[in-house]
Amino acid sequence: MELKIMEWNINQRMNYSGKNMPDWIADVIANEAADIIALTEVYKGNNWEKVKTAAFNSNYVVFETSNSSAGQNDVAIAININKLNVIYAKTYYPSIQGIPDYLEVKCKSKKTDKEFIFICIRIHASVGGSIRRQELKHTMSVVENEDTVIVCGDFNNYRRGYVDGTWCLNEISKICEKYNFVVKTPEGSSIYEENPSDTNYEFPEDHFLLKGIEEKDFSLSPYDRNFMENDKTIYRWNRDFQVYLGMIKVEKVYMILFQLHFQIMQF
């Protein structure tokens, strides 16, 4: 079974900008024609249904959370039902500390009958490192006895060069190793400068966590910022979304930021 998976952090931040989701997001999603599409930091505002309808044709079934009443961002997962049967979908409501934005779909390949669990999460940014650890451990624990699992999403783990005994890239790897997961991180950065002079200041906060899948059967593309060509008003600094440490003031309207990457996987 070969699958193309797209993960995109829409980064609406509970509609911080006060603007509708740009309609062109649907065009980007539709053009990629991935088999599984995972979206984090979705705000289901005035035009969400319009964008969703344009992005996902009748080949897809779409699942989404309802986290806004808990003061958190929503997650959406679309599944290509030509390739995959859906066995179930479930979510955990992030109203208490230690529960991330979370959406889980169990799928079965129509070609091979292989079953696997696909999860998209967002580790919360407005909590301390110990709570972020709890959120990841919660995700690991609920699939501890499953054979084949893919987790993707936004882990809010700071920059590559950041070292901390509670929460950083290295700590994510340690936690995942204990649960028999392998961490795959895209090259590049999701925010700030696209190509900083020091890679320690890249912010790769999105990852794929794999269990029961051979690494040789998995390929991961770097972060892709080509979508910014769709709107030079939002992306006024071109491929640099924000300047590190606020050296340029970012007005409220420009706080809609995006990131995108793909994988091709066989198992």
Protein backbone atom coordinates (compact mmCIF):
# COMPACT_ATOMS: atom_id res chain seq x y z
CA MET A 1 0.00 0.00 0.00
CA GLU A 2 1.37 3.39 -0.97
CA LEU A 3 -0.10 6.49 0.63
CA LYS A 4 0.52 10.19 0.23
CA ILE A 5 -0.11 12.12 3.42
CA MET A 6 -0.31 15.89 3.69
CA GLU A 7 -0.06 17.71 7.02
CA TRP A 8 -0.74 21.44 7.11
CA ASN A 9 -0.77 23.72 10.12
CA ILE A 10 -3.35 26.30 9.10
CA ASN A 11 -2.28 28.25 12.22
CA GLN A 12 -5.45 30.26 12.66
CA ARG A 13 -4.89 30.43 16.43
CA MET A 14 -8.58 30.47 17.40
CA ASN A 15 -9.18 33.08 14.70
CA TYR A 16 -6.64 35.47 16.18
CA SER A 17 -6.61 37.55 12.98
CA GLY A 18 -10.38 37.97 12.96
CA LYS A 19 -10.38 37.05 9.27
CA ASN A 20 -11.95 34.24 7.28
CA MET A 21 -9.80 31.32 6.16
CA PRO A 22 -8.51 32.27 2.67
CA ASP A 23 -10.46 30.49 -0.06
CA TRP A 24 -7.25 29.55 -1.88
CA ILE A 25 -6.40 27.07 0.86
CA ALA A 26 -8.91 24.75 -0.80
CA ASP A 27 -7.06 24.99 -4.12
CA VAL A 28 -3.72 24.06 -2.52
CA ILE A 29 -5.26 21.03 -0.80
CA ALA A 30 -7.15 19.84 -3.87
CA ASN A 31 -4.12 20.18 -6.15
CA GLU A 32 -2.01 17.91 -3.95
CA ALA A 33 -4.61 15.11 -4.09
CA ALA A 34 -3.19 13.34 -1.02
CA ASP A 35 -4.76 10.18 0.34
CA ILE A 36 -4.83 11.50 3.90
CA ILE A 37 -4.94 15.23 4.70
CA ALA A 38 -4.43 16.41 8.27
CA LEU A 39 -5.07 20.05 9.24
CA THR A 40 -4.19 21.57 12.61
CA GLU A 41 -5.13 24.89 14.20
CA VAL A 42 -8.32 25.05 12.19
CA TYR A 43 -10.95 27.60 13.17
CA LYS A 44 -14.35 26.63 11.83
CA GLY A 45 -15.48 30.15 11.05
CA ASN A 46 -17.86 31.73 8.56
CA ASN A 47 -16.40 30.10 5.44
CA TRP A 48 -15.11 26.79 6.80
CA GLU A 49 -17.90 24.80 5.13
CA LYS A 50 -17.22 26.55 1.81
CA VAL A 51 -13.47 25.85 1.98
CA LYS A 52 -14.04 22.25 3.11
CA THR A 53 -16.45 21.57 0.23
CA ALA A 54 -14.03 23.02 -2.33
CA ALA A 55 -11.00 21.19 -0.89
CA PHE A 56 -12.49 17.72 -0.54
CA ASN A 57 -14.53 16.16 -3.32
CA SER A 58 -16.72 13.06 -3.07
CA ASN A 59 -13.62 10.85 -2.86
CA TYR A 60 -13.06 12.00 0.73
CA VAL A 61 -14.75 11.65 4.07
CA VAL A 62 -13.84 14.43 6.51
CA PHE A 63 -13.65 14.17 10.30
CA GLU A 64 -13.23 17.18 12.58
CA THR A 65 -13.12 18.03 16.26
CA SER A 66 -15.22 20.51 18.21
CA ASN A 67 -12.60 22.03 20.47
CA SER A 68 -13.53 25.71 20.26
CA SER A 69 -15.86 25.48 23.25
CA ALA A 70 -12.85 24.31 25.26
CA GLY A 71 -10.87 27.35 24.08
CA GLN A 72 -8.66 25.25 21.80
CA ASN A 73 -8.06 24.82 18.08
CA ASP A 74 -9.75 22.25 15.92
CA VAL A 75 -8.18 19.40 13.96
CA ALA A 76 -9.52 17.94 10.72
CA ILE A 77 -8.61 14.72 8.89
CA ALA A 78 -9.78 13.80 5.38
CA ILE A 79 -9.53 10.20 4.15
CA ASN A 80 -9.57 9.03 0.53
CA ILE A 81 -12.32 6.40 0.63
CA ASN A 82 -11.29 5.02 -2.76
CA LYS A 83 -8.16 3.64 -1.10
CA LEU A 84 -9.13 3.28 2.54
CA ASN A 85 -12.06 2.06 4.58
CA VAL A 86 -12.67 3.91 7.83
CA ILE A 87 -13.24 1.64 10.83
CA TYR A 88 -13.78 4.43 13.38
CA ALA A 89 -12.91 7.99 14.30
CA LYS A 90 -12.56 9.39 17.80
CA THR A 91 -11.33 12.44 19.62
CA TYR A 92 -10.42 13.55 23.14
CA TYR A 93 -11.88 16.83 24.32
CA PRO A 94 -8.97 19.09 25.43
CA SER A 95 -10.75 20.77 28.33
CA ILE A 96 -8.24 19.67 30.97
CA GLN A 97 -4.46 19.89 31.12
CA GLY A 98 -2.60 16.99 29.64
CA ILE A 99 -4.94 16.40 26.67
CA PRO A 100 -3.77 17.80 23.31
CA ASP A 101 -5.94 18.76 20.37
CA TYR A 102 -6.44 15.21 19.13
CA LEU A 103 -8.20 13.36 16.32
CA GLU A 104 -7.77 9.65 15.58
CA VAL A 105 -8.98 7.62 12.60
CA LYS A 106 -8.54 3.87 12.20
CA CYS A 107 -8.25 2.84 8.55
CA LYS A 108 -8.06 -0.34 6.51
CA SER A 109 -6.45 -0.55 3.08
CA LYS A 110 -8.85 -1.74 0.38
CA LYS A 111 -5.91 -3.23 -1.50
CA THR A 112 -4.04 -5.09 1.24
CA ASP A 113 -6.53 -5.28 4.17
CA LYS A 114 -3.78 -3.75 6.32
CA GLU A 115 -5.17 -1.80 9.29
CA PHE A 116 -3.50 1.22 10.86
CA ILE A 117 -4.30 4.14 13.10
CA PHE A 118 -3.75 7.70 11.93
CA ILE A 119 -3.64 10.50 14.50
CA CYS A 120 -3.26 14.25 14.15
CA ILE A 121 -2.46 16.26 17.28
CA ARG A 122 -1.48 19.72 18.38
CA ILE A 123 0.53 19.99 21.58
CA HIS A 124 -0.62 23.19 23.26
CA ALA A 125 1.65 26.21 23.18
CA SER A 126 0.25 28.13 26.15
CA VAL A 127 1.30 25.54 28.76
CA GLY A 128 4.62 24.63 30.33
CA GLY A 129 6.98 21.88 29.27
CA SER A 130 5.73 19.37 31.82
CA ILE A 131 2.16 19.65 30.49
CA ARG A 132 3.41 19.26 26.93
CA ARG A 133 5.14 16.04 27.99
CA GLN A 134 1.86 14.82 29.47
CA GLU A 135 0.06 15.57 26.20
CA LEU A 136 2.54 13.54 24.17
CA LYS A 137 2.50 10.69 26.69
CA HIS A 138 -1.28 10.65 26.54
CA THR A 139 -1.10 10.24 22.76
CA MET A 140 1.46 7.44 23.08
CA SER A 141 -0.46 5.62 25.80
CA VAL A 142 -3.79 5.35 23.98
CA VAL A 143 -2.14 3.42 21.12
CA GLU A 144 0.40 1.54 23.23
CA ASN A 145 -1.03 -1.83 22.24
CA GLU A 146 -1.57 -1.04 18.56
CA ASP A 147 0.73 -2.49 15.90
CA THR A 148 0.77 0.18 13.17
CA VAL A 149 0.34 3.85 14.01
CA ILE A 150 1.11 7.17 12.33
CA VAL A 151 0.99 10.37 14.39
CA CYS A 152 1.50 13.79 12.86
CA GLY A 153 0.95 17.36 13.93
CA ASP A 154 2.29 20.44 15.63
CA PHE A 155 4.41 19.70 18.71
CA ASN A 156 5.39 23.26 19.70
CA ASN A 157 8.90 22.16 20.66
CA TYR A 158 10.88 25.36 20.01
CA ARG A 159 13.92 25.67 17.75
CA ARG A 160 16.38 22.94 16.75
CA GLY A 161 19.17 24.20 18.97
CA TYR A 162 17.06 24.52 22.11
CA VAL A 163 18.06 22.07 24.86
CA ASP A 164 15.84 21.46 27.86
CA GLY A 165 15.37 18.52 30.21
CA THR A 166 11.59 18.73 30.02
CA TRP A 167 10.50 19.67 26.49
CA CYS A 168 12.53 19.99 23.29
CA LEU A 169 13.25 17.93 20.17
CA ASN A 170 15.50 15.56 22.07
CA GLU A 171 12.91 14.97 24.80
CA ILE A 172 10.26 14.18 22.17
CA SER A 173 12.56 11.52 20.72
CA LYS A 174 13.20 10.01 24.18
CA ILE A 175 9.50 9.75 24.98
CA CYS A 176 8.67 8.25 21.59
CA GLU A 177 11.49 5.70 21.85
CA LYS A 178 10.00 4.37 25.09
CA TYR A 179 6.75 3.68 23.23
CA ASN A 180 8.51 2.16 20.19
CA PHE A 181 7.88 5.15 17.91
CA VAL A 182 10.39 6.63 15.46
CA VAL A 183 10.39 10.43 15.02
CA LYS A 184 10.66 11.85 11.50
CA THR A 185 11.15 15.62 11.24
CA PRO A 186 11.07 17.58 7.97
CA GLU A 187 14.03 19.66 6.88
CA GLY A 188 13.66 23.40 7.19
CA SER A 189 11.47 25.53 9.40
CA SER A 190 7.77 26.17 9.85
CA ILE A 191 7.99 29.83 10.93
CA TYR A 192 10.31 32.84 10.94
CA GLU A 193 13.12 32.90 8.39
CA GLU A 194 13.09 30.16 5.79
CA ASN A 195 16.89 29.84 5.66
CA PRO A 196 18.51 31.27 8.82
CA SER A 197 22.28 31.55 8.83
CA ASP A 198 22.36 29.22 11.86
CA THR A 199 20.20 26.09 11.60
CA ASN A 200 19.93 26.07 15.40
CA TYR A 201 17.34 28.81 14.82
CA GLU A 202 15.13 26.73 12.55
CA PHE A 203 11.76 25.89 14.07
CA PRO A 204 10.73 22.39 12.90
CA GLU A 205 7.75 21.95 15.17
CA ASP A 206 5.91 19.38 13.04
CA HIS A 207 6.77 15.69 13.06
CA PHE A 208 5.62 12.27 11.93
CA LEU A 209 5.83 9.55 14.57
CA LEU A 210 5.89 6.01 13.18
CA LYS A 211 5.20 2.68 14.80
CA GLY A 212 5.20 -0.59 12.89
CA ILE A 213 6.47 1.02 9.67
CA GLU A 214 9.95 0.49 8.26
CA GLU A 215 11.89 3.74 7.89
CA LYS A 216 13.06 2.66 4.44
CA ASP A 217 9.42 2.67 3.32
CA PHE A 218 8.89 6.26 4.40
CA SER A 219 9.97 9.48 2.70
CA LEU A 220 9.40 12.95 4.06
CA SER A 221 9.56 16.18 2.10
CA PRO A 222 10.99 19.41 3.53
CA TYR A 223 8.74 22.27 4.62
CA ASP A 224 7.16 23.88 1.58
CA ARG A 225 6.27 27.59 1.59
CA ASN A 226 5.24 27.85 -2.05
CA PHE A 227 1.63 28.49 -1.03
CA MET A 228 2.60 32.04 -0.01
CA GLU A 229 2.51 32.97 -3.70
CA ASN A 230 -1.28 32.91 -3.42
CA ASP A 231 -1.47 36.03 -1.26
CA LYS A 232 1.24 38.68 -1.13
CA THR A 233 -0.95 40.79 1.18
CA ILE A 234 -0.75 38.25 3.97
CA TYR A 235 2.82 37.23 3.14
CA ARG A 236 4.19 40.74 2.94
CA TRP A 237 7.70 39.48 3.74
CA ASN A 238 7.56 36.82 1.05
CA ARG A 239 8.95 33.48 2.25
CA ASP A 240 9.86 34.77 5.72
CA PHE A 241 6.64 34.62 7.70
CA GLN A 242 7.80 36.46 10.80
CA VAL A 243 11.12 37.92 11.80
CA TYR A 244 12.61 36.24 14.84
CA LEU A 245 12.06 37.98 18.20
CA GLY A 246 9.71 40.53 16.67
CA MET A 247 12.31 42.60 14.87
CA ILE A 248 9.50 43.52 12.52
CA LYS A 249 6.14 44.21 14.10
CA VAL A 250 3.56 41.74 12.84
CA GLU A 251 0.12 43.31 12.66
CA LYS A 252 -2.89 41.30 13.74
CA VAL A 253 -4.14 40.71 10.22
CA TYR A 254 -0.93 38.92 9.28
CA MET A 255 -1.07 36.32 12.00
CA ILE A 256 -2.50 33.71 9.63
CA LEU A 257 0.60 31.62 8.97
CA PHE A 258 0.86 28.32 7.14
CA GLN A 259 3.12 25.35 6.71
CA LEU A 260 2.92 22.31 4.53
CA HIS A 261 4.72 19.03 4.01
CA PHE A 262 4.14 15.60 2.56
CA GLN A 263 5.21 12.04 2.81
CA ILE A 264 5.01 9.02 0.56
CA MET A 265 4.72 5.82 2.58
CA GLN A 266 4.58 2.13 1.76
CA PHE A 267 3.68 -0.64 4.20
